[in-house]
Amino acid sequence: MRYSLLAGRVLFSLLFVLAGLGHFSSQEIGFAAAQGVPLASIVVPFSGLMAMLGGLSIAFGYKAEWGAWLIVLFLVPVTFMMHNFWTVSDPAVAQDQMAHFMKNLALIGSALFISYFGAGPSSMDARVRSQSEERKQPAVA
């Protein structure tokens, strides 16, 4: 069970690292521009960088709380701008966008859990904490 948090962090993060890479493509930038994202050629790659840094931070468990906040800051505008199902007239497309919207809400919730509870025992954060505590221990004579 010790490694279940590690596996969960890596699986959670994989989505953001891989999706973040796509944010540097002209296709992704064009899609965002068509959705009305202002300055898409700047905003989309920047959001991809946020997603990748947040994902890597959580995967490695290094400053995972900050990484989780990067994910939240990435997901909130993406969710409301790119998956606004309430504006879509085609019922099939609206249903698809609603599924993406709900998925993103769940991902935001997961990131908020990580922002509060941290990365867990199998992480760089835990290793740094334990080394810090060892240095604080008085030497036994």
C-alpha atoms as a PDB file:
ATOM      1  CA  MET A   1       0.000   0.000   0.000  1.00  0.00           C
ATOM      2  CA  ARG A   2       2.974   2.308   0.545  1.00  0.00           C
ATOM      3  CA  TYR A   3       3.437   2.734  -3.187  1.00  0.00           C
ATOM      4  CA  SER A   4      -0.233   3.267  -4.038  1.00  0.00           C
ATOM      5  CA  LEU A   5       0.128   7.025  -3.458  1.00  0.00           C
ATOM      6  CA  LEU A   6       3.183   7.074  -5.703  1.00  0.00           C
ATOM      7  CA  ALA A   7       1.308   5.179  -8.428  1.00  0.00           C
ATOM      8  CA  GLY A   8      -1.701   7.480  -8.052  1.00  0.00           C
ATOM      9  CA  ARG A   9       0.471  10.592  -8.292  1.00  0.00           C
ATOM     10  CA  VAL A  10       2.215   9.324 -11.422  1.00  0.00           C
ATOM     11  CA  LEU A  11      -1.043   8.302 -13.125  1.00  0.00           C
ATOM     12  CA  PHE A  12      -2.690  11.611 -12.211  1.00  0.00           C
ATOM     13  CA  SER A  13       0.318  13.588 -13.441  1.00  0.00           C
ATOM     14  CA  LEU A  14       0.739  11.729 -16.706  1.00  0.00           C
ATOM     15  CA  LEU A  15      -2.379  13.394 -18.120  1.00  0.00           C
ATOM     16  CA  PHE A  16      -1.000  16.888 -17.496  1.00  0.00           C
ATOM     17  CA  VAL A  17       2.514  16.197 -18.742  1.00  0.00           C
ATOM     18  CA  LEU A  18       1.288  14.654 -22.003  1.00  0.00           C
ATOM     19  CA  ALA A  19      -1.535  17.154 -22.539  1.00  0.00           C
ATOM     20  CA  GLY A  20       0.854  20.002 -21.760  1.00  0.00           C
ATOM     21  CA  LEU A  21       3.128  18.910 -24.596  1.00  0.00           C
ATOM     22  CA  GLY A  22       0.192  19.204 -27.000  1.00  0.00           C
ATOM     23  CA  HIS A  23      -0.275  22.846 -26.036  1.00  0.00           C
ATOM     24  CA  PHE A  24       2.781  23.740 -28.099  1.00  0.00           C
ATOM     25  CA  SER A  25       1.188  22.517 -31.346  1.00  0.00           C
ATOM     26  CA  SER A  26      -0.340  24.867 -33.899  1.00  0.00           C
ATOM     27  CA  GLN A  27      -3.447  22.649 -33.963  1.00  0.00           C
ATOM     28  CA  GLU A  28      -4.082  23.156 -30.223  1.00  0.00           C
ATOM     29  CA  ILE A  29      -3.408  26.890 -30.472  1.00  0.00           C
ATOM     30  CA  GLY A  30      -5.778  27.164 -33.459  1.00  0.00           C
ATOM     31  CA  PHE A  31      -8.524  25.266 -31.645  1.00  0.00           C
ATOM     32  CA  ALA A  32      -8.224  27.557 -28.619  1.00  0.00           C
ATOM     33  CA  ALA A  33      -8.295  30.639 -30.853  1.00  0.00           C
ATOM     34  CA  ALA A  34     -11.469  29.316 -32.515  1.00  0.00           C
ATOM     35  CA  GLN A  35     -13.002  28.927 -29.037  1.00  0.00           C
ATOM     36  CA  GLY A  36     -12.345  32.617 -28.384  1.00  0.00           C
ATOM     37  CA  VAL A  37      -9.249  32.334 -26.194  1.00  0.00           C
ATOM     38  CA  PRO A  38      -7.540  35.744 -26.326  1.00  0.00           C
ATOM     39  CA  LEU A  39      -3.842  35.754 -27.309  1.00  0.00           C
ATOM     40  CA  ALA A  40      -4.027  32.001 -27.899  1.00  0.00           C
ATOM     41  CA  SER A  41      -0.528  31.853 -29.397  1.00  0.00           C
ATOM     42  CA  ILE A  42       0.857  33.012 -26.030  1.00  0.00           C
ATOM     43  CA  VAL A  43      -1.717  31.722 -23.546  1.00  0.00           C
ATOM     44  CA  VAL A  44      -1.923  28.143 -24.840  1.00  0.00           C
ATOM     45  CA  PRO A  45       1.828  27.371 -24.669  1.00  0.00           C
ATOM     46  CA  PHE A  46       1.994  29.096 -21.266  1.00  0.00           C
ATOM     47  CA  SER A  47      -0.873  26.945 -19.995  1.00  0.00           C
ATOM     48  CA  GLY A  48       0.903  23.881 -21.386  1.00  0.00           C
ATOM     49  CA  LEU A  49       3.997  24.828 -19.418  1.00  0.00           C
ATOM     50  CA  MET A  50       1.879  25.222 -16.265  1.00  0.00           C
ATOM     51  CA  ALA A  51       0.320  21.791 -16.799  1.00  0.00           C
ATOM     52  CA  MET A  52       3.677  20.111 -17.414  1.00  0.00           C
ATOM     53  CA  LEU A  53       5.418  21.754 -14.441  1.00  0.00           C
ATOM     54  CA  GLY A  54       2.491  20.988 -12.149  1.00  0.00           C
ATOM     55  CA  GLY A  55       2.321  17.407 -13.385  1.00  0.00           C
ATOM     56  CA  LEU A  56       6.064  16.804 -12.988  1.00  0.00           C
ATOM     57  CA  SER A  57       6.043  18.384  -9.537  1.00  0.00           C
ATOM     58  CA  ILE A  58       3.265  16.051  -8.408  1.00  0.00           C
ATOM     59  CA  ALA A  59       4.749  12.970 -10.115  1.00  0.00           C
ATOM     60  CA  PHE A  60       8.108  13.402  -8.396  1.00  0.00           C
ATOM     61  CA  GLY A  61       6.534  14.622  -5.194  1.00  0.00           C
ATOM     62  CA  TYR A  62       8.709  17.729  -5.175  1.00  0.00           C
ATOM     63  CA  LYS A  63       6.843  20.816  -3.959  1.00  0.00           C
ATOM     64  CA  ALA A  64       3.697  18.850  -4.799  1.00  0.00           C
ATOM     65  CA  GLU A  65       1.402  21.323  -3.057  1.00  0.00           C
ATOM     66  CA  TRP A  66       2.624  24.086  -5.390  1.00  0.00           C
ATOM     67  CA  GLY A  67       2.389  21.742  -8.365  1.00  0.00           C
ATOM     68  CA  ALA A  68      -1.212  20.987  -7.449  1.00  0.00           C
ATOM     69  CA  TRP A  69      -2.020  24.707  -7.385  1.00  0.00           C
ATOM     70  CA  LEU A  70      -0.483  25.047 -10.856  1.00  0.00           C
ATOM     71  CA  ILE A  71      -2.854  22.299 -12.004  1.00  0.00           C
ATOM     72  CA  VAL A  72      -5.839  24.081 -10.430  1.00  0.00           C
ATOM     73  CA  LEU A  73      -4.819  27.387 -12.039  1.00  0.00           C
ATOM     74  CA  PHE A  74      -4.480  25.574 -15.358  1.00  0.00           C
ATOM     75  CA  LEU A  75      -7.774  23.673 -15.130  1.00  0.00           C
ATOM     76  CA  VAL A  76     -10.188  26.373 -13.974  1.00  0.00           C
ATOM     77  CA  PRO A  77      -9.981  28.606 -17.071  1.00  0.00           C
ATOM     78  CA  VAL A  78      -9.588  25.623 -19.420  1.00  0.00           C
ATOM     79  CA  THR A  79     -12.704  24.005 -17.982  1.00  0.00           C
ATOM     80  CA  PHE A  80     -14.910  27.058 -18.353  1.00  0.00           C
ATOM     81  CA  MET A  81     -13.541  28.328 -21.687  1.00  0.00           C
ATOM     82  CA  MET A  82     -12.984  25.096 -23.596  1.00  0.00           C
ATOM     83  CA  HIS A  83     -15.757  22.868 -22.226  1.00  0.00           C
ATOM     84  CA  ASN A  84     -18.668  25.326 -21.966  1.00  0.00           C
ATOM     85  CA  PHE A  85     -21.312  22.736 -22.850  1.00  0.00           C
ATOM     86  CA  TRP A  86     -24.140  25.150 -22.007  1.00  0.00           C
ATOM     87  CA  THR A  87     -23.348  27.190 -25.153  1.00  0.00           C
ATOM     88  CA  VAL A  88     -23.378  24.232 -27.580  1.00  0.00           C
ATOM     89  CA  SER A  89     -26.499  23.637 -29.680  1.00  0.00           C
ATOM     90  CA  ASP A  90     -25.685  20.115 -30.959  1.00  0.00           C
ATOM     91  CA  PRO A  91     -26.878  17.700 -28.213  1.00  0.00           C
ATOM     92  CA  ALA A  92     -24.159  15.110 -28.919  1.00  0.00           C
ATOM     93  CA  VAL A  93     -21.374  17.704 -28.784  1.00  0.00           C
ATOM     94  CA  ALA A  94     -22.928  19.285 -25.684  1.00  0.00           C
ATOM     95  CA  GLN A  95     -22.986  15.905 -23.942  1.00  0.00           C
ATOM     96  CA  ASP A  96     -19.336  15.293 -24.874  1.00  0.00           C
ATOM     97  CA  GLN A  97     -18.322  18.725 -23.585  1.00  0.00           C
ATOM     98  CA  MET A  98     -20.309  18.175 -20.390  1.00  0.00           C
ATOM     99  CA  ALA A  99     -18.368  14.941 -19.793  1.00  0.00           C
ATOM    100  CA  HIS A 100     -15.076  16.837 -20.219  1.00  0.00           C
ATOM    101  CA  PHE A 101     -16.358  19.599 -17.934  1.00  0.00           C
ATOM    102  CA  MET A 102     -17.284  17.108 -15.195  1.00  0.00           C
ATOM    103  CA  LYS A 103     -13.966  15.232 -15.609  1.00  0.00           C
ATOM    104  CA  ASN A 104     -12.092  18.494 -15.145  1.00  0.00           C
ATOM    105  CA  LEU A 105     -14.086  19.287 -11.999  1.00  0.00           C
ATOM    106  CA  ALA A 106     -13.019  15.904 -10.604  1.00  0.00           C
ATOM    107  CA  LEU A 107      -9.399  16.638 -11.547  1.00  0.00           C
ATOM    108  CA  ILE A 108      -9.627  20.023  -9.813  1.00  0.00           C
ATOM    109  CA  GLY A 109     -10.917  18.223  -6.721  1.00  0.00           C
ATOM    110  CA  SER A 110      -8.030  15.758  -6.874  1.00  0.00           C
ATOM    111  CA  ALA A 111      -5.508  18.580  -7.220  1.00  0.00           C
ATOM    112  CA  LEU A 112      -7.061  20.311  -4.203  1.00  0.00           C
ATOM    113  CA  PHE A 113      -6.586  17.098  -2.188  1.00  0.00           C
ATOM    114  CA  ILE A 114      -2.906  17.049  -3.168  1.00  0.00           C
ATOM    115  CA  SER A 115      -2.550  20.750  -2.347  1.00  0.00           C
ATOM    116  CA  TYR A 116      -3.759  19.999   1.186  1.00  0.00           C
ATOM    117  CA  PHE A 117      -2.342  16.536   1.957  1.00  0.00           C
ATOM    118  CA  GLY A 118       0.870  16.721  -0.055  1.00  0.00           C
ATOM    119  CA  ALA A 119       2.644  13.993  -1.981  1.00  0.00           C
ATOM    120  CA  GLY A 120       2.776  11.286   0.669  1.00  0.00           C
ATOM    121  CA  PRO A 121       5.590   9.102   2.002  1.00  0.00           C
ATOM    122  CA  SER A 122       7.207   8.019  -1.291  1.00  0.00           C
ATOM    123  CA  SER A 123       8.150  11.482  -2.482  1.00  0.00           C
ATOM    124  CA  MET A 124      11.007  13.915  -2.660  1.00  0.00           C
ATOM    125  CA  ASP A 125       9.127  16.172  -0.234  1.00  0.00           C
ATOM    126  CA  ALA A 126       9.003  13.371   2.376  1.00  0.00           C
ATOM    127  CA  ARG A 127      12.695  12.617   1.887  1.00  0.00           C
ATOM    128  CA  VAL A 128      13.625  16.290   2.370  1.00  0.00           C
ATOM    129  CA  ARG A 129      11.433  16.461   5.495  1.00  0.00           C
ATOM    130  CA  SER A 130      12.998  13.348   7.037  1.00  0.00           C
ATOM    131  CA  GLN A 131      16.544  14.589   6.325  1.00  0.00           C
ATOM    132  CA  SER A 132      15.647  17.927   7.888  1.00  0.00           C
ATOM    133  CA  GLU A 133      14.278  16.191  10.994  1.00  0.00           C
ATOM    134  CA  GLU A 134      17.404  14.021  11.273  1.00  0.00           C
ATOM    135  CA  ARG A 135      19.591  17.127  11.301  1.00  0.00           C
ATOM    136  CA  LYS A 136      17.477  18.626  14.082  1.00  0.00           C
ATOM    137  CA  GLN A 137      17.952  15.564  16.326  1.00  0.00           C
ATOM    138  CA  PRO A 138      20.523  16.212  19.053  1.00  0.00           C
ATOM    139  CA  ALA A 139      23.588  13.986  18.920  1.00  0.00           C
ATOM    140  CA  VAL A 140      23.525  11.199  21.488  1.00  0.00           C
ATOM    141  CA  ALA A 141      26.706  11.161  23.579  1.00  0.00           C
END
